[in-house]
């Protein structure tokens, strides 16, 4: 059974719905978070199955020269976008926000000061 991705226009959260091809477009969809019927279909990327080994090899080839990226936000953003797409996993919207800012030339320090809650909830290594 296919999975369809939606975004709630009321609470702005993403969610998935499983339904048959014949149900799609006929069955009412409601947000699993707030129960609103004000939702829109989210078009997702086409995913190509790759082994983890293949993804890691591709990233190693692409990012062999990462020295000095801390001084070049645009190149760092480009590398992060490529790495995010190679991972093949859905990343949080904050990832795209940070990458967009880097690609626009904003330094990591500026991003961190403007988005202080960015790493909230992530366990730090001690």
N, C-alpha and C. Protein backbone atom coordinates (compact mmCIF):
# COMPACT_ATOMS: atom_id res chain seq x y z
N UNK A 1 0.85 -1.18 0.00
CA UNK A 1 0.00 0.00 0.00
C UNK A 1 0.89 1.24 0.00
N UNK A 2 0.63 2.20 -0.87
CA UNK A 2 1.47 3.40 -0.95
C UNK A 2 1.35 4.31 0.28
N UNK A 3 2.42 5.01 0.53
CA UNK A 3 2.46 6.02 1.59
C UNK A 3 2.39 7.38 0.92
N UNK A 4 1.51 8.24 1.42
CA UNK A 4 1.38 9.59 0.91
C UNK A 4 1.79 10.55 2.00
N UNK A 5 2.60 11.54 1.65
CA UNK A 5 3.07 12.54 2.60
C UNK A 5 2.19 13.77 2.52
N UNK A 6 1.84 14.31 3.71
CA UNK A 6 1.00 15.49 3.80
C UNK A 6 1.61 16.49 4.77
N UNK A 7 1.17 17.74 4.64
CA UNK A 7 1.49 18.80 5.59
C UNK A 7 0.16 19.39 6.02
N UNK A 8 0.00 19.59 7.32
CA UNK A 8 -1.20 20.20 7.85
C UNK A 8 -1.09 21.72 7.71
N UNK A 9 -2.09 22.34 7.12
CA UNK A 9 -2.09 23.80 6.98
C UNK A 9 -2.42 24.49 8.30
N UNK A 10 -2.98 23.75 9.26
CA UNK A 10 -3.32 24.34 10.55
C UNK A 10 -2.14 24.33 11.52
N UNK A 11 -1.54 23.14 11.74
CA UNK A 11 -0.44 23.05 12.72
C UNK A 11 0.93 23.00 12.04
N UNK A 12 0.96 22.90 10.70
CA UNK A 12 2.18 22.91 9.89
C UNK A 12 3.10 21.72 10.14
N UNK A 13 2.56 20.62 10.64
CA UNK A 13 3.37 19.42 10.86
C UNK A 13 3.21 18.47 9.69
N UNK A 14 4.25 17.69 9.46
CA UNK A 14 4.25 16.68 8.40
C UNK A 14 3.72 15.37 8.96
N UNK A 15 3.08 14.59 8.07
CA UNK A 15 2.64 13.26 8.46
C UNK A 15 2.43 12.42 7.22
N UNK A 16 2.37 11.11 7.42
CA UNK A 16 2.18 10.17 6.33
C UNK A 16 0.85 9.45 6.49
N UNK A 17 0.26 9.07 5.37
CA UNK A 17 -0.99 8.31 5.39
C UNK A 17 -0.82 7.13 4.43
N UNK A 18 -1.19 5.95 4.89
CA UNK A 18 -1.19 4.76 4.04
C UNK A 18 -2.59 4.61 3.47
N UNK A 19 -2.70 4.48 2.16
CA UNK A 19 -3.99 4.21 1.54
C UNK A 19 -3.75 3.59 0.17
N UNK A 20 -4.77 2.89 -0.30
CA UNK A 20 -4.66 2.24 -1.60
C UNK A 20 -4.77 3.29 -2.70
N UNK A 21 -4.38 2.88 -3.91
CA UNK A 21 -4.50 3.78 -5.06
C UNK A 21 -5.96 4.20 -5.25
N UNK A 22 -6.87 3.26 -5.04
CA UNK A 22 -8.29 3.57 -5.25
C UNK A 22 -8.83 4.51 -4.17
N UNK A 23 -8.24 4.52 -2.98
CA UNK A 23 -8.70 5.42 -1.92
C UNK A 23 -8.19 6.85 -2.12
N UNK A 24 -7.00 6.98 -2.76
CA UNK A 24 -6.40 8.30 -2.91
C UNK A 24 -7.31 9.22 -3.71
N UNK A 25 -7.57 10.39 -3.18
CA UNK A 25 -8.43 11.37 -3.82
C UNK A 25 -9.90 11.22 -3.45
N UNK A 26 -10.25 10.09 -2.85
CA UNK A 26 -11.63 9.84 -2.45
C UNK A 26 -11.78 9.84 -0.93
N UNK A 27 -10.79 9.31 -0.26
CA UNK A 27 -10.83 9.20 1.20
C UNK A 27 -10.36 10.52 1.82
N UNK A 28 -11.13 11.04 2.78
CA UNK A 28 -10.75 12.29 3.46
C UNK A 28 -9.50 12.05 4.30
N UNK A 29 -8.60 13.02 4.28
CA UNK A 29 -7.36 12.93 5.05
C UNK A 29 -7.40 13.98 6.15
N UNK A 30 -7.07 13.56 7.36
CA UNK A 30 -7.02 14.47 8.51
C UNK A 30 -5.64 14.38 9.17
N UNK A 31 -5.19 15.50 9.70
CA UNK A 31 -3.89 15.56 10.36
C UNK A 31 -3.87 14.61 11.55
N UNK A 32 -2.81 13.82 11.65
CA UNK A 32 -2.68 12.88 12.76
C UNK A 32 -2.30 13.59 14.06
N UNK A 33 -1.87 14.86 13.95
CA UNK A 33 -1.45 15.61 15.12
C UNK A 33 -2.59 16.42 15.73
N UNK A 34 -3.32 17.20 14.87
CA UNK A 34 -4.36 18.09 15.40
C UNK A 34 -5.75 17.75 14.88
N UNK A 35 -5.85 16.73 14.03
CA UNK A 35 -7.12 16.23 13.47
C UNK A 35 -7.77 17.17 12.46
N UNK A 36 -7.09 18.22 12.03
CA UNK A 36 -7.63 19.15 11.04
C UNK A 36 -7.74 18.48 9.69
N UNK A 37 -8.76 18.85 8.95
CA UNK A 37 -8.92 18.37 7.58
C UNK A 37 -8.28 19.31 6.57
N UNK A 38 -7.67 20.39 7.06
CA UNK A 38 -7.04 21.39 6.20
C UNK A 38 -5.59 20.97 5.94
N UNK A 39 -5.42 20.03 5.02
CA UNK A 39 -4.11 19.46 4.73
C UNK A 39 -3.81 19.56 3.24
N UNK A 40 -2.53 19.47 2.90
CA UNK A 40 -2.12 19.46 1.50
C UNK A 40 -1.11 18.34 1.29
N UNK A 41 -1.10 17.80 0.10
CA UNK A 41 -0.18 16.73 -0.25
C UNK A 41 1.21 17.32 -0.41
N UNK A 42 2.18 16.65 0.14
CA UNK A 42 3.57 17.07 0.05
C UNK A 42 4.25 16.19 -0.99
N UNK A 43 4.82 16.82 -1.99
CA UNK A 43 5.54 16.08 -3.02
C UNK A 43 6.94 15.80 -2.50
N UNK A 44 7.32 14.56 -2.48
CA UNK A 44 8.62 14.17 -1.96
C UNK A 44 9.57 13.84 -3.10
N UNK A 45 10.83 13.76 -2.74
CA UNK A 45 11.85 13.40 -3.71
C UNK A 45 11.70 11.93 -4.09
N UNK A 46 12.10 11.62 -5.28
CA UNK A 46 12.17 10.23 -5.69
C UNK A 46 13.39 9.64 -5.00
N UNK A 47 13.20 8.50 -4.40
CA UNK A 47 14.31 7.88 -3.67
C UNK A 47 14.85 6.70 -4.47
N UNK A 48 16.15 6.66 -4.57
CA UNK A 48 16.82 5.56 -5.25
C UNK A 48 17.55 4.76 -4.18
N UNK A 49 17.25 3.50 -4.13
CA UNK A 49 17.86 2.65 -3.11
C UNK A 49 19.34 2.47 -3.39
N UNK A 50 20.15 2.80 -2.40
CA UNK A 50 21.60 2.60 -2.46
C UNK A 50 22.01 1.92 -1.17
N UNK A 51 23.02 1.11 -1.26
CA UNK A 51 23.52 0.50 -0.03
C UNK A 51 24.23 1.58 0.78
N UNK A 52 24.31 1.38 2.07
CA UNK A 52 25.01 2.35 2.91
C UNK A 52 26.47 2.45 2.49
N UNK A 53 27.05 1.33 2.12
CA UNK A 53 28.45 1.33 1.67
C UNK A 53 28.61 2.21 0.43
N UNK A 54 27.67 2.09 -0.51
CA UNK A 54 27.72 2.89 -1.73
C UNK A 54 27.59 4.38 -1.42
N UNK A 55 26.68 4.73 -0.50
CA UNK A 55 26.51 6.14 -0.11
C UNK A 55 27.77 6.68 0.53
N UNK A 56 28.38 5.90 1.42
CA UNK A 56 29.58 6.34 2.12
C UNK A 56 30.75 6.51 1.14
N UNK A 57 30.88 5.59 0.18
CA UNK A 57 31.94 5.71 -0.83
C UNK A 57 31.76 6.97 -1.66
N UNK A 58 30.52 7.25 -2.04
CA UNK A 58 30.22 8.44 -2.83
C UNK A 58 30.55 9.70 -2.05
N UNK A 59 30.20 9.73 -0.76
CA UNK A 59 30.51 10.90 0.06
C UNK A 59 32.01 11.06 0.25
N UNK A 60 32.72 9.95 0.44
CA UNK A 60 34.17 10.02 0.62
C UNK A 60 34.83 10.59 -0.63
N UNK A 61 34.37 10.18 -1.79
CA UNK A 61 34.92 10.71 -3.05
C UNK A 61 34.63 12.20 -3.19
N UNK A 62 33.39 12.59 -2.88
CA UNK A 62 32.97 13.98 -3.06
C UNK A 62 33.61 14.93 -2.05
N UNK A 63 33.90 14.45 -0.84
CA UNK A 63 34.33 15.34 0.23
C UNK A 63 35.75 15.08 0.69
N UNK A 64 36.59 14.60 -0.22
CA UNK A 64 37.97 14.32 0.16
C UNK A 64 38.74 15.60 0.46
N UNK A 65 38.34 16.73 -0.09
CA UNK A 65 39.05 17.98 0.12
C UNK A 65 38.25 18.97 0.95
N UNK A 66 37.88 18.59 2.17
CA UNK A 66 37.03 19.47 2.98
C UNK A 66 37.80 20.42 3.88
N UNK A 67 39.12 20.36 3.82
CA UNK A 67 39.92 21.27 4.63
C UNK A 67 39.60 22.71 4.24
N UNK A 68 39.49 23.57 5.22
CA UNK A 68 39.26 24.99 4.97
C UNK A 68 37.81 25.38 4.77
N UNK A 69 36.89 24.43 4.86
CA UNK A 69 35.48 24.76 4.66
C UNK A 69 34.93 25.69 5.75
N UNK A 70 35.55 25.67 6.93
CA UNK A 70 35.06 26.55 7.99
C UNK A 70 35.20 28.02 7.61
N UNK A 71 36.06 28.32 6.65
CA UNK A 71 36.25 29.70 6.20
C UNK A 71 35.44 30.02 4.94
N UNK A 72 34.68 29.05 4.42
CA UNK A 72 33.91 29.24 3.20
C UNK A 72 32.49 28.72 3.40
N UNK A 73 31.59 29.55 3.97
CA UNK A 73 30.23 29.09 4.27
C UNK A 73 29.48 28.56 3.05
N UNK A 74 29.69 29.17 1.89
CA UNK A 74 28.98 28.72 0.69
C UNK A 74 29.39 27.30 0.31
N UNK A 75 30.69 27.02 0.35
CA UNK A 75 31.18 25.67 0.03
C UNK A 75 30.72 24.67 1.09
N UNK A 76 30.70 25.10 2.36
CA UNK A 76 30.22 24.24 3.44
C UNK A 76 28.75 23.90 3.23
N UNK A 77 27.94 24.91 2.86
CA UNK A 77 26.53 24.68 2.59
C UNK A 77 26.32 23.72 1.44
N UNK A 78 27.10 23.89 0.39
CA UNK A 78 27.02 23.00 -0.77
C UNK A 78 27.34 21.56 -0.37
N UNK A 79 28.40 21.40 0.43
CA UNK A 79 28.80 20.07 0.89
C UNK A 79 27.70 19.45 1.76
N UNK A 80 27.12 20.26 2.66
CA UNK A 80 26.08 19.74 3.55
C UNK A 80 24.83 19.34 2.76
N UNK A 81 24.47 20.13 1.74
CA UNK A 81 23.30 19.78 0.93
C UNK A 81 23.55 18.45 0.21
N UNK A 82 24.75 18.30 -0.35
CA UNK A 82 25.09 17.05 -1.04
C UNK A 82 25.08 15.87 -0.07
N UNK A 83 25.65 16.07 1.12
CA UNK A 83 25.69 15.02 2.11
C UNK A 83 24.26 14.64 2.54
N UNK A 84 23.42 15.65 2.73
CA UNK A 84 22.03 15.38 3.11
C UNK A 84 21.30 14.56 2.07
N UNK A 85 21.53 14.87 0.80
CA UNK A 85 20.85 14.11 -0.26
C UNK A 85 21.43 12.70 -0.38
N UNK A 86 22.72 12.54 -0.12
CA UNK A 86 23.35 11.22 -0.19
C UNK A 86 22.88 10.30 0.94
N UNK A 87 22.50 10.88 2.07
CA UNK A 87 22.08 10.06 3.21
C UNK A 87 20.78 9.31 2.91
N UNK A 88 19.95 9.86 2.03
CA UNK A 88 18.73 9.16 1.65
C UNK A 88 17.68 9.13 2.73
N UNK A 89 17.79 9.99 3.70
CA UNK A 89 16.82 10.03 4.80
C UNK A 89 16.17 11.40 4.84
N UNK A 90 14.97 11.45 5.38
CA UNK A 90 14.27 12.72 5.55
C UNK A 90 14.95 13.49 6.67
N UNK A 91 15.36 14.70 6.37
CA UNK A 91 16.02 15.54 7.36
C UNK A 91 15.05 16.61 7.84
N UNK A 92 15.23 17.09 9.06
CA UNK A 92 14.30 18.10 9.59
C UNK A 92 14.39 19.39 8.80
N UNK A 93 13.31 20.19 8.81
CA UNK A 93 13.31 21.45 8.05
C UNK A 93 14.41 22.40 8.49
N UNK A 94 14.87 22.29 9.74
CA UNK A 94 15.94 23.15 10.23
C UNK A 94 17.23 22.93 9.44
N UNK A 95 17.44 21.70 8.98
CA UNK A 95 18.64 21.40 8.18
C UNK A 95 18.65 22.26 6.93
N UNK A 96 17.51 22.29 6.22
CA UNK A 96 17.43 23.10 5.00
C UNK A 96 17.63 24.58 5.31
N UNK A 97 17.10 25.05 6.43
CA UNK A 97 17.26 26.46 6.82
C UNK A 97 18.74 26.79 7.01
N UNK A 98 19.45 25.94 7.73
CA UNK A 98 20.87 26.16 7.97
C UNK A 98 21.66 26.13 6.66
N UNK A 99 21.38 25.14 5.82
CA UNK A 99 22.10 25.02 4.55
C UNK A 99 21.81 26.22 3.65
N UNK A 100 20.55 26.66 3.62
CA UNK A 100 20.20 27.86 2.83
C UNK A 100 21.00 29.07 3.30
N UNK A 101 21.13 29.22 4.62
CA UNK A 101 21.87 30.35 5.19
C UNK A 101 23.35 30.27 4.83
N UNK A 102 23.91 29.05 4.92
CA UNK A 102 25.32 28.88 4.56
C UNK A 102 25.55 29.20 3.09
N UNK A 103 24.67 28.70 2.24
CA UNK A 103 24.82 28.93 0.80
C UNK A 103 24.67 30.41 0.46
N UNK A 104 23.98 31.16 1.32
CA UNK A 104 23.84 32.60 1.11
C UNK A 104 25.05 33.36 1.65
N UNK A 105 25.99 32.63 2.29
CA UNK A 105 27.23 33.24 2.77
C UNK A 105 27.25 33.57 4.24
N UNK A 106 26.22 33.17 4.98
CA UNK A 106 26.18 33.45 6.42
C UNK A 106 27.12 32.48 7.13
N UNK A 107 27.90 32.98 8.08
CA UNK A 107 28.87 32.13 8.78
C UNK A 107 28.15 31.22 9.79
N UNK A 108 28.76 30.07 10.11
CA UNK A 108 28.17 29.20 11.13
C UNK A 108 27.95 29.92 12.47
N UNK A 109 28.87 30.82 12.82
CA UNK A 109 28.73 31.55 14.07
C UNK A 109 27.50 32.46 14.04
N UNK A 110 27.26 33.13 12.92
CA UNK A 110 26.08 33.99 12.78
C UNK A 110 24.80 33.16 12.86
N UNK A 111 24.80 32.01 12.20
CA UNK A 111 23.63 31.14 12.22
C UNK A 111 23.35 30.68 13.64
N UNK A 112 24.40 30.27 14.35
CA UNK A 112 24.25 29.81 15.72
C UNK A 112 23.70 30.91 16.62
N UNK A 113 24.15 32.15 16.43
CA UNK A 113 23.66 33.24 17.28
C UNK A 113 22.21 33.61 16.94
N UNK A 114 21.81 33.46 15.68
CA UNK A 114 20.44 33.77 15.28
C UNK A 114 19.46 32.64 15.57
N UNK A 115 19.96 31.42 15.67
CA UNK A 115 19.11 30.25 15.93
C UNK A 115 19.63 29.52 17.17
N UNK A 116 19.53 30.14 18.36
CA UNK A 116 20.13 29.54 19.55
C UNK A 116 19.53 28.19 19.96
N UNK A 117 18.29 27.91 19.57
CA UNK A 117 17.65 26.66 19.95
C UNK A 117 17.88 25.54 18.94
N UNK A 118 18.74 25.78 17.97
CA UNK A 118 18.94 24.85 16.88
C UNK A 118 19.33 23.45 17.36
N UNK A 119 20.23 23.35 18.30
CA UNK A 119 20.69 22.04 18.77
C UNK A 119 19.94 21.55 19.99
N UNK A 120 18.86 22.22 20.39
CA UNK A 120 18.10 21.81 21.58
C UNK A 120 17.56 20.40 21.42
N UNK A 121 17.71 19.62 22.45
CA UNK A 121 17.20 18.25 22.43
C UNK A 121 18.19 17.24 21.88
N UNK A 122 19.33 17.68 21.43
CA UNK A 122 20.35 16.78 20.92
C UNK A 122 21.35 16.55 22.03
N UNK A 123 21.60 15.29 22.37
CA UNK A 123 22.52 14.97 23.44
C UNK A 123 23.95 15.32 23.02
N UNK A 124 24.64 16.03 23.86
CA UNK A 124 26.02 16.40 23.57
C UNK A 124 26.96 15.34 24.11
N UNK A 125 28.06 15.12 23.41
CA UNK A 125 29.08 14.19 23.90
C UNK A 125 29.83 14.84 25.05
N UNK A 126 30.00 14.09 26.10
CA UNK A 126 30.71 14.64 27.25
C UNK A 126 32.04 13.97 27.44
